[in-house]
Amino acid sequence: MDFSISPELDALRRRITDFVEREILPQESRADSYDAHENIALPLLAELRAKARAEGLWCLQLKPETGGLGVGRMGMAVCYEAMNRSIFGPVVFNSAAPDDGNMMVLEKIGTPEQKALWLAPIVEGKVRSAFVMTEPHPGGGSDPSMIRTRGEKQPDGSWKIYGRKWFITGAEDAAHFILIARTSDDPKQRLTAFLFHRDQPGWKIERRIPIMGPEEHGGHCELTFDGLTIAPENVLLGEGAGMKVTQIRLGPARLTHCMRWLGLAKRCVEIATDYAAQREGFGVRLADRESVQLMLGGLAMEIEIGRLLVMKAAWALDHGSFARKEVSMAKIQAANTLHKAADIAIQINGARGYSKDTVLEWIYRYARQARLVDGADEVHRMVLNRFLDKEGPDFWRWTVAGEQPR
């Protein structure tokens, strides 16, 4: 693959970088920039979103006909990294989870009517959305085949939904939901994806689950369903296609997490490097100490490995592959690199890093979830081992020019 980027993509990256530096970064140090859950306050978000749209920096992950910039997965890798130099970045550009993944899957597989009703308001920034899959034990988590929330088909073709979900990101503020439920015992067609609106009866939010780190808007919620009725036209991709919907959505969505996490990891290195260049102890700058140089040099390499893995996975997705193997490798590397970068940056900054004088402690608490969300490290290593068992030496095969990635 060619690792160069086009002049047009580089120009877009520069515009995003400039916007983050000029408009977003200064807001991080203001107490009134944060809501009660340590995310960007909604009035400030609305102001910055209006500016981003005015500068043509909106929904770049979507096709132009959908309202985006059509940069593709490789272009997203370049731009999302630049966006997430700030902890507030992605949501300002309408490129934050879970809306990001929901918009991409609806764009790809929604009917024209579904796109008009369910996708367009998210693209326009009028509503937020959530993806409703994870369940408490013994239901499904990383293994969707374990899902117990059930959909019962009615004589008129509609569906009734019964069950429980939890850790549903953004649910408290969401208006549009994509729900995965069991509708059959057929192993290949047991799941179906449904679309519903928050104002429909038959479901409720039981609680917003307190978590260790700062939260996305709408938190992480536990939901119960007791007869939610869903019309047949709000089935996504057809009855029994729920597993395919999850595959289409989760692969690219996992990768966009990685893109954003690498931006935050670079920010950690930036803060650590700046401080090490100034801080002296026992007559020596921290930057001149070999131990600090080893830490920062090692982090620079880990971030670059993550970028290469992300770009390879993005390239495979752009060429029509599900890229399961590539996405799993990128997910493990990017998540662990972010956690390591935050930890080392705090260590170099000492008490300053542990305080709220920088965003490092925010990033550190946020980073711990990276090794859990969208599949724990161990799950992705098991995925890689399955590919190794299946492919043997071909696990490391090169894709020959003209071939489609596997």
Protein backbone atom coordinates (compact mmCIF):
# COMPACT_ATOMS: atom_id res chain seq x y z
CA MET A 1 0.00 0.00 0.00
CA ASP A 2 1.03 3.58 -0.61
CA PHE A 3 1.55 5.51 2.61
CA SER A 4 1.53 8.94 0.97
CA ILE A 5 -1.57 11.11 1.20
CA SER A 6 -3.00 13.43 -1.41
CA PRO A 7 -2.42 17.18 -1.25
CA GLU A 8 -6.19 17.59 -0.83
CA LEU A 9 -6.29 15.29 2.19
CA ASP A 10 -3.27 17.01 3.71
CA ALA A 11 -4.97 20.36 3.24
CA LEU A 12 -8.04 19.02 5.07
CA ARG A 13 -5.85 17.66 7.85
CA ARG A 14 -4.20 21.06 8.20
CA ARG A 15 -7.58 22.81 8.38
CA ILE A 16 -8.72 20.43 11.12
CA THR A 17 -5.44 20.89 12.99
CA ASP A 18 -5.78 24.66 12.79
CA PHE A 19 -9.41 24.56 13.97
CA VAL A 20 -8.52 22.37 16.95
CA GLU A 21 -5.62 24.67 17.90
CA ARG A 22 -7.58 27.88 17.43
CA GLU A 23 -11.10 27.04 18.58
CA ILE A 24 -11.11 23.92 20.76
CA LEU A 25 -7.88 23.60 22.76
CA PRO A 26 -8.34 26.95 24.58
CA GLN A 27 -11.66 25.67 25.95
CA GLU A 28 -10.11 22.74 27.82
CA SER A 29 -8.68 24.90 30.58
CA ARG A 30 -11.98 26.65 31.39
CA ALA A 31 -14.13 25.14 34.15
CA ASP A 32 -17.35 26.29 32.46
CA SER A 33 -16.46 24.29 29.34
CA TYR A 34 -17.44 21.05 31.10
CA ASP A 35 -20.81 19.55 31.97
CA ALA A 36 -21.54 17.61 35.16
CA HIS A 37 -20.08 14.43 33.63
CA GLU A 38 -16.81 16.04 32.47
CA ASN A 39 -17.68 16.24 28.80
CA ILE A 40 -17.97 19.44 26.79
CA ALA A 41 -20.90 21.59 27.93
CA LEU A 42 -23.76 21.56 25.42
CA PRO A 43 -23.96 25.35 24.85
CA LEU A 44 -20.25 25.44 24.02
CA LEU A 45 -20.61 22.35 21.84
CA ALA A 46 -23.38 23.97 19.83
CA GLU A 47 -21.24 27.08 19.31
CA LEU A 48 -18.20 25.08 18.15
CA ARG A 49 -20.28 22.79 15.94
CA ALA A 50 -21.72 25.81 14.15
CA LYS A 51 -18.19 27.09 13.50
CA ALA A 52 -17.01 23.67 12.26
CA ARG A 53 -19.94 23.44 9.84
CA ALA A 54 -19.32 26.97 8.61
CA GLU A 55 -15.72 26.00 7.82
CA GLY A 56 -16.77 22.83 5.96
CA LEU A 57 -15.42 20.47 8.62
CA TRP A 58 -18.50 18.34 9.25
CA CYS A 59 -19.21 14.60 8.98
CA LEU A 60 -16.16 14.03 6.81
CA GLN A 61 -16.64 10.24 7.18
CA LEU A 62 -19.85 10.25 5.11
CA LYS A 63 -20.36 10.51 1.36
CA PRO A 64 -21.00 13.97 -0.11
CA GLU A 65 -24.54 12.97 -1.08
CA THR A 66 -25.19 12.13 2.59
CA GLY A 67 -23.80 15.42 3.84
CA GLY A 68 -20.15 14.50 4.39
CA LEU A 69 -16.78 14.92 2.72
CA GLY A 70 -16.24 11.36 1.44
CA VAL A 71 -12.64 10.94 2.56
CA GLY A 72 -12.81 7.14 2.98
CA ARG A 73 -11.38 5.10 5.83
CA MET A 74 -7.76 6.01 5.09
CA GLY A 75 -8.64 9.70 5.03
CA MET A 76 -10.49 9.28 8.30
CA ALA A 77 -7.38 7.77 9.88
CA VAL A 78 -5.45 10.92 9.03
CA CYS A 79 -8.15 13.37 10.08
CA TYR A 80 -9.51 11.68 13.20
CA GLU A 81 -6.03 11.59 14.68
CA ALA A 82 -5.83 15.35 14.16
CA MET A 83 -9.32 15.90 15.61
CA ASN A 84 -8.53 14.10 18.83
CA ARG A 85 -5.57 16.23 19.75
CA SER A 86 -8.28 17.73 21.94
CA ILE A 87 -10.44 15.72 24.33
CA PHE A 88 -13.42 17.66 22.90
CA GLY A 89 -12.44 17.28 19.24
CA PRO A 90 -14.44 14.49 17.59
CA VAL A 91 -17.89 15.47 18.87
CA VAL A 92 -17.39 19.00 17.53
CA PHE A 93 -16.99 17.62 13.99
CA ASN A 94 -19.85 15.09 14.41
CA SER A 95 -17.33 12.27 14.28
CA ALA A 96 -17.64 10.87 17.81
CA ALA A 97 -18.97 7.51 18.94
CA PRO A 98 -21.64 6.22 18.95
CA ASP A 99 -23.13 8.57 16.33
CA ASP A 100 -20.11 8.02 14.08
CA GLY A 101 -20.62 4.26 13.73
CA ASN A 102 -24.41 4.56 13.57
CA MET A 103 -24.25 7.07 10.73
CA MET A 104 -21.83 4.95 8.75
CA VAL A 105 -23.91 1.77 9.05
CA LEU A 106 -27.18 3.56 8.22
CA GLU A 107 -25.54 5.18 5.21
CA LYS A 108 -24.28 1.81 4.00
CA ILE A 109 -27.35 -0.41 4.46
CA GLY A 110 -30.37 1.77 5.24
CA THR A 111 -33.22 2.04 2.76
CA PRO A 112 -33.88 5.50 1.29
CA GLU A 113 -36.81 5.87 3.69
CA GLN A 114 -34.73 4.79 6.68
CA LYS A 115 -31.97 7.21 5.74
CA ALA A 116 -34.42 10.08 5.52
CA LEU A 117 -36.10 9.26 8.85
CA TRP A 118 -33.26 7.89 10.98
CA LEU A 119 -29.95 9.03 9.46
CA ALA A 120 -30.52 12.59 8.21
CA PRO A 121 -31.34 14.09 11.65
CA ILE A 122 -28.09 12.66 13.09
CA VAL A 123 -26.09 14.02 10.16
CA GLU A 124 -27.71 17.42 10.66
CA GLY A 125 -26.79 17.37 14.35
CA LYS A 126 -30.42 17.61 15.42
CA VAL A 127 -30.44 14.35 17.42
CA ARG A 128 -28.01 11.91 19.04
CA SER A 129 -28.12 8.13 18.68
CA ALA A 130 -27.16 4.90 20.44
CA PHE A 131 -26.32 1.31 19.51
CA VAL A 132 -28.12 -1.13 21.81
CA MET A 133 -26.41 -4.52 21.94
CA THR A 134 -24.53 -5.29 25.20
CA GLU A 135 -26.39 -7.18 27.95
CA PRO A 136 -25.77 -8.19 31.58
CA HIS A 137 -24.72 -11.77 32.25
CA PRO A 138 -25.81 -14.27 30.99
CA GLY A 139 -26.61 -12.18 27.93
CA GLY A 140 -24.39 -11.10 25.09
CA GLY A 141 -21.34 -8.87 25.38
CA SER A 142 -18.35 -9.41 23.13
CA ASP A 143 -20.17 -12.53 21.86
CA PRO A 144 -23.37 -11.36 20.10
CA SER A 145 -24.56 -14.96 19.74
CA MET A 146 -25.35 -14.90 23.49
CA ILE A 147 -27.93 -12.11 23.15
CA ARG A 148 -31.12 -12.88 25.09
CA THR A 149 -33.23 -9.78 24.45
CA ARG A 150 -35.90 -11.15 22.15
CA GLY A 151 -38.10 -9.86 19.38
CA GLU A 152 -41.49 -11.53 18.97
CA LYS A 153 -43.16 -11.18 15.60
CA GLN A 154 -46.81 -10.18 15.66
CA PRO A 155 -49.57 -11.21 13.23
CA ASP A 156 -49.51 -7.76 11.58
CA GLY A 157 -45.76 -8.06 10.87
CA SER A 158 -44.65 -5.76 13.68
CA TRP A 159 -42.34 -6.83 16.50
CA LYS A 160 -42.54 -6.73 20.30
CA ILE A 161 -39.22 -6.41 22.15
CA TYR A 162 -38.55 -7.84 25.63
CA GLY A 163 -35.28 -7.90 27.57
CA ARG A 164 -32.50 -5.92 29.20
CA LYS A 165 -29.42 -4.10 27.91
CA TRP A 166 -26.66 -2.23 29.73
CA PHE A 167 -23.64 0.02 29.20
CA ILE A 168 -25.44 1.56 26.24
CA THR A 169 -23.35 4.60 25.39
CA GLY A 170 -25.22 7.85 24.91
CA ALA A 171 -28.65 6.40 25.70
CA GLU A 172 -29.77 9.17 28.05
CA ASP A 173 -29.40 11.87 25.37
CA ALA A 174 -30.21 9.72 22.32
CA ALA A 175 -33.36 10.00 20.21
CA HIS A 176 -32.56 7.35 17.59
CA PHE A 177 -31.58 3.81 18.54
CA ILE A 178 -30.32 0.72 16.71
CA LEU A 179 -31.28 -2.37 18.72
CA ILE A 180 -29.98 -5.93 18.27
CA ALA A 181 -32.36 -8.66 19.49
CA ARG A 182 -32.79 -12.41 19.13
CA THR A 183 -35.60 -13.36 16.74
CA SER A 184 -34.75 -16.97 15.94
CA ASP A 185 -32.81 -19.99 17.19
CA ASP A 186 -31.17 -20.42 13.79
CA PRO A 187 -27.41 -19.93 14.49
CA LYS A 188 -26.94 -18.07 11.21
CA GLN A 189 -30.04 -15.87 11.41
CA ARG A 190 -30.80 -15.62 15.11
CA LEU A 191 -30.44 -11.84 15.38
CA THR A 192 -32.31 -8.90 13.87
CA ALA A 193 -31.51 -5.18 13.95
CA PHE A 194 -34.31 -2.74 14.73
CA LEU A 195 -34.69 1.04 14.69
CA PHE A 196 -36.72 2.86 17.32
CA HIS A 197 -37.28 6.36 18.72
CA ARG A 198 -36.97 7.39 22.36
CA ASP A 199 -40.62 8.54 22.49
CA GLN A 200 -41.99 5.09 21.71
CA PRO A 201 -43.58 3.33 24.70
CA GLY A 202 -42.53 -0.10 25.96
CA TRP A 203 -39.00 0.63 27.12
CA LYS A 204 -37.22 2.74 29.72
CA ILE A 205 -33.84 3.72 31.09
CA GLU A 206 -33.40 2.05 34.47
CA ARG A 207 -30.28 3.98 35.41
CA ARG A 208 -27.25 5.86 34.17
CA ILE A 209 -24.38 3.66 35.32
CA PRO A 210 -21.65 5.57 37.19
CA ILE A 211 -18.22 4.90 35.69
CA MET A 212 -14.59 5.56 36.53
CA GLY A 213 -13.85 8.03 33.79
CA PRO A 214 -15.37 11.06 32.06
CA GLU A 215 -18.49 10.19 30.11
CA GLU A 216 -19.85 10.65 26.63
CA HIS A 217 -23.01 12.74 26.38
CA GLY A 218 -25.85 10.54 27.55
CA GLY A 219 -23.63 8.33 29.68
CA HIS A 220 -23.70 4.53 29.81
CA CYS A 221 -27.16 3.30 30.64
CA GLU A 222 -29.12 0.20 31.58
CA LEU A 223 -32.33 -0.25 29.57
CA THR A 224 -35.31 -2.56 29.90
CA PHE A 225 -37.79 -3.50 27.19
CA ASP A 226 -41.31 -4.62 28.02
CA GLY A 227 -43.26 -4.77 24.80
CA LEU A 228 -41.65 -2.04 22.68
CA THR A 229 -43.47 -2.23 19.34
CA ILE A 230 -41.40 -1.84 16.17
CA ALA A 231 -42.98 -1.55 12.74
CA PRO A 232 -41.72 -3.85 9.96
CA GLU A 233 -40.32 -0.91 7.98
CA ASN A 234 -37.95 -0.21 10.88
CA VAL A 235 -36.11 -3.52 10.55
CA LEU A 236 -32.58 -2.84 9.33
CA LEU A 237 -31.36 -5.03 6.44
CA GLY A 238 -34.14 -7.59 6.98
CA GLU A 239 -35.20 -10.20 9.50
CA GLY A 240 -32.32 -12.42 10.63
CA ALA A 241 -29.60 -10.07 9.35
CA GLY A 242 -28.66 -8.69 12.78
CA MET A 243 -25.27 -10.41 12.92
CA LYS A 244 -24.38 -8.98 9.52
CA VAL A 245 -25.43 -5.52 10.72
CA THR A 246 -23.13 -5.84 13.74
CA GLN A 247 -20.24 -6.94 11.53
CA ILE A 248 -20.78 -4.02 9.14
CA ARG A 249 -21.00 -1.55 11.99
CA LEU A 250 -18.51 -2.74 14.59
CA GLY A 251 -15.40 -3.23 12.42
CA PRO A 252 -15.21 0.35 11.11
CA ALA A 253 -16.45 1.74 14.45
CA ARG A 254 -13.68 -0.07 16.35
CA LEU A 255 -11.16 1.34 13.94
CA THR A 256 -12.39 4.91 14.36
CA HIS A 257 -11.87 4.50 18.11
CA CYS A 258 -8.27 3.60 17.34
CA MET A 259 -7.82 6.64 15.12
CA ARG A 260 -9.07 8.92 17.87
CA TRP A 261 -7.05 7.18 20.60
CA LEU A 262 -3.83 7.71 18.67
CA GLY A 263 -4.58 11.43 18.57
CA LEU A 264 -4.95 11.44 22.35
CA ALA A 265 -1.77 9.39 22.77
CA LYS A 266 0.14 11.97 20.72
CA ARG A 267 -1.32 14.71 22.91
CA CYS A 268 0.03 12.91 25.99
CA VAL A 269 3.50 12.81 24.44
CA GLU A 270 3.20 16.48 23.52
CA ILE A 271 2.40 17.50 27.11
CA ALA A 272 5.14 15.28 28.51
CA THR A 273 7.74 16.50 26.03
CA ASP A 274 6.96 20.17 26.66
CA TYR A 275 7.23 19.71 30.43
CA ALA A 276 10.42 17.64 30.23
CA ALA A 277 12.05 20.39 28.18
CA GLN A 278 11.40 22.93 30.95
CA ARG A 279 11.58 21.05 34.22
CA GLU A 280 14.94 20.70 35.96
CA GLY A 281 15.92 18.52 38.89
CA PHE A 282 19.34 18.22 40.50
CA GLY A 283 20.76 20.50 37.84
CA VAL A 284 19.55 18.43 34.86
CA ARG A 285 16.55 18.94 32.59
CA LEU A 286 14.20 15.97 32.51
CA ALA A 287 14.56 15.93 28.74
CA ASP A 288 18.30 15.29 29.16
CA ARG A 289 17.84 12.26 31.39
CA GLU A 290 18.27 8.96 29.58
CA SER A 291 15.35 7.38 31.46
CA VAL A 292 12.96 10.04 30.17
CA GLN A 293 14.37 9.78 26.66
CA LEU A 294 13.79 6.03 26.69
CA MET A 295 10.19 6.49 27.81
CA LEU A 296 9.34 9.09 25.20
CA GLY A 297 11.22 7.34 22.40
CA GLY A 298 9.43 4.10 23.19
CA LEU A 299 6.06 5.84 23.14
CA ALA A 300 6.83 7.47 19.79
CA MET A 301 7.50 4.01 18.34
CA GLU A 302 4.36 2.48 19.88
CA ILE A 303 2.22 5.27 18.43
CA GLU A 304 3.76 4.82 15.01
CA ILE A 305 3.11 1.05 15.13
CA GLY A 306 -0.50 1.86 15.97
CA ARG A 307 -0.76 4.30 13.07
CA LEU A 308 0.58 1.73 10.63
CA LEU A 309 -1.81 -0.95 11.87
CA VAL A 310 -4.74 1.47 11.68
CA MET A 311 -3.82 2.55 8.18
CA LYS A 312 -3.49 -1.05 7.00
CA ALA A 313 -6.92 -1.87 8.40
CA ALA A 314 -8.37 1.29 6.85
CA TRP A 315 -6.86 0.34 3.50
CA ALA A 316 -8.41 -3.13 3.73
CA LEU A 317 -11.84 -1.65 4.57
CA ASP A 318 -11.57 0.78 1.66
CA HIS A 319 -10.90 -2.21 -0.60
CA GLY A 320 -14.01 -4.13 0.46
CA SER A 321 -12.66 -6.38 3.22
CA PHE A 322 -14.24 -6.76 6.68
CA ALA A 323 -10.60 -6.52 7.89
CA ARG A 324 -11.38 -8.47 11.08
CA LYS A 325 -7.79 -9.51 11.64
CA GLU A 326 -6.39 -6.07 10.87
CA VAL A 327 -8.94 -4.28 13.04
CA SER A 328 -8.26 -6.60 15.99
CA MET A 329 -4.53 -5.91 15.82
CA ALA A 330 -5.10 -2.16 15.57
CA LYS A 331 -7.58 -2.22 18.46
CA ILE A 332 -5.16 -3.97 20.82
CA GLN A 333 -2.22 -1.76 19.89
CA ALA A 334 -4.03 1.58 19.95
CA ALA A 335 -5.87 0.90 23.23
CA ASN A 336 -2.77 -0.19 25.09
CA THR A 337 -0.67 2.60 23.60
CA LEU A 338 -3.15 5.23 24.78
CA HIS A 339 -3.16 3.80 28.31
CA LYS A 340 0.64 3.63 28.36
CA ALA A 341 1.02 7.14 26.94
CA ALA A 342 -1.23 8.67 29.60
CA ASP A 343 0.55 6.78 32.37
CA ILE A 344 4.04 7.78 31.25
CA ALA A 345 3.04 11.39 30.64
CA ILE A 346 1.64 11.62 34.18
CA GLN A 347 4.86 10.08 35.54
CA ILE A 348 7.01 12.63 33.73
CA ASN A 349 4.79 15.50 34.86
CA GLY A 350 4.73 14.25 38.45
CA ALA A 351 2.14 15.91 40.70
CA ARG A 352 1.24 18.29 37.87
CA GLY A 353 0.17 15.33 35.75
CA TYR A 354 -1.93 13.87 38.55
CA SER A 355 -3.68 17.21 39.07
CA LYS A 356 -6.30 18.83 36.86
CA ASP A 357 -3.83 21.46 35.68
CA THR A 358 -3.48 19.37 32.50
CA VAL A 359 -5.89 17.01 30.72
CA LEU A 360 -3.64 14.03 31.44
CA GLU A 361 -5.67 12.73 34.39
CA TRP A 362 -8.85 13.04 32.26
CA ILE A 363 -7.21 11.06 29.48
CA TYR A 364 -5.86 8.47 31.94
CA ARG A 365 -9.30 7.71 33.36
CA TYR A 366 -10.82 7.67 29.88
CA ALA A 367 -8.02 5.46 28.52
CA ARG A 368 -8.69 2.54 30.86
CA GLN A 369 -11.96 1.78 29.11
CA ALA A 370 -10.20 1.54 25.75
CA ARG A 371 -8.96 -1.96 26.58
CA LEU A 372 -12.55 -3.07 27.29
CA VAL A 373 -14.94 -1.34 24.89
CA ASP A 374 -15.70 -2.95 21.52
CA GLY A 375 -14.07 -6.17 22.67
CA ALA A 376 -11.53 -6.66 25.43
CA ASP A 377 -7.86 -7.19 24.53
CA GLU A 378 -8.19 -10.90 25.27
CA VAL A 379 -11.14 -11.31 22.89
CA HIS A 380 -9.21 -9.74 20.03
CA ARG A 381 -6.18 -11.93 20.75
CA MET A 382 -8.47 -14.95 20.57
CA VAL A 383 -9.75 -13.68 17.22
CA LEU A 384 -6.17 -13.42 15.98
CA ASN A 385 -5.39 -16.92 17.21
CA ARG A 386 -8.40 -18.29 15.28
CA PHE A 387 -7.03 -16.69 12.13
CA LEU A 388 -3.59 -18.13 12.90
CA ASP A 389 -5.05 -21.63 13.32
CA LYS A 390 -7.01 -21.29 10.10
CA GLU A 391 -4.40 -19.63 7.92
CA GLY A 392 -1.10 -20.94 9.27
CA PRO A 393 1.82 -19.25 7.49
CA ASP A 394 -0.68 -17.37 5.30
CA PHE A 395 -1.55 -15.30 8.37
CA TRP A 396 1.34 -13.06 7.27
CA ARG A 397 0.72 -13.21 3.52
CA TRP A 398 1.20 -10.13 1.39
CA THR A 399 -1.75 -8.92 -0.65
CA VAL A 400 -0.66 -9.01 -4.28
CA ALA A 401 -1.52 -6.06 -6.50
CA GLY A 402 -4.95 -6.57 -8.05
CA GLU A 403 -6.18 -8.88 -5.30
CA GLN A 404 -8.91 -7.92 -2.86
CA PRO A 405 -7.78 -8.06 0.78
CA ARG A 406 -9.22 -11.03 2.65
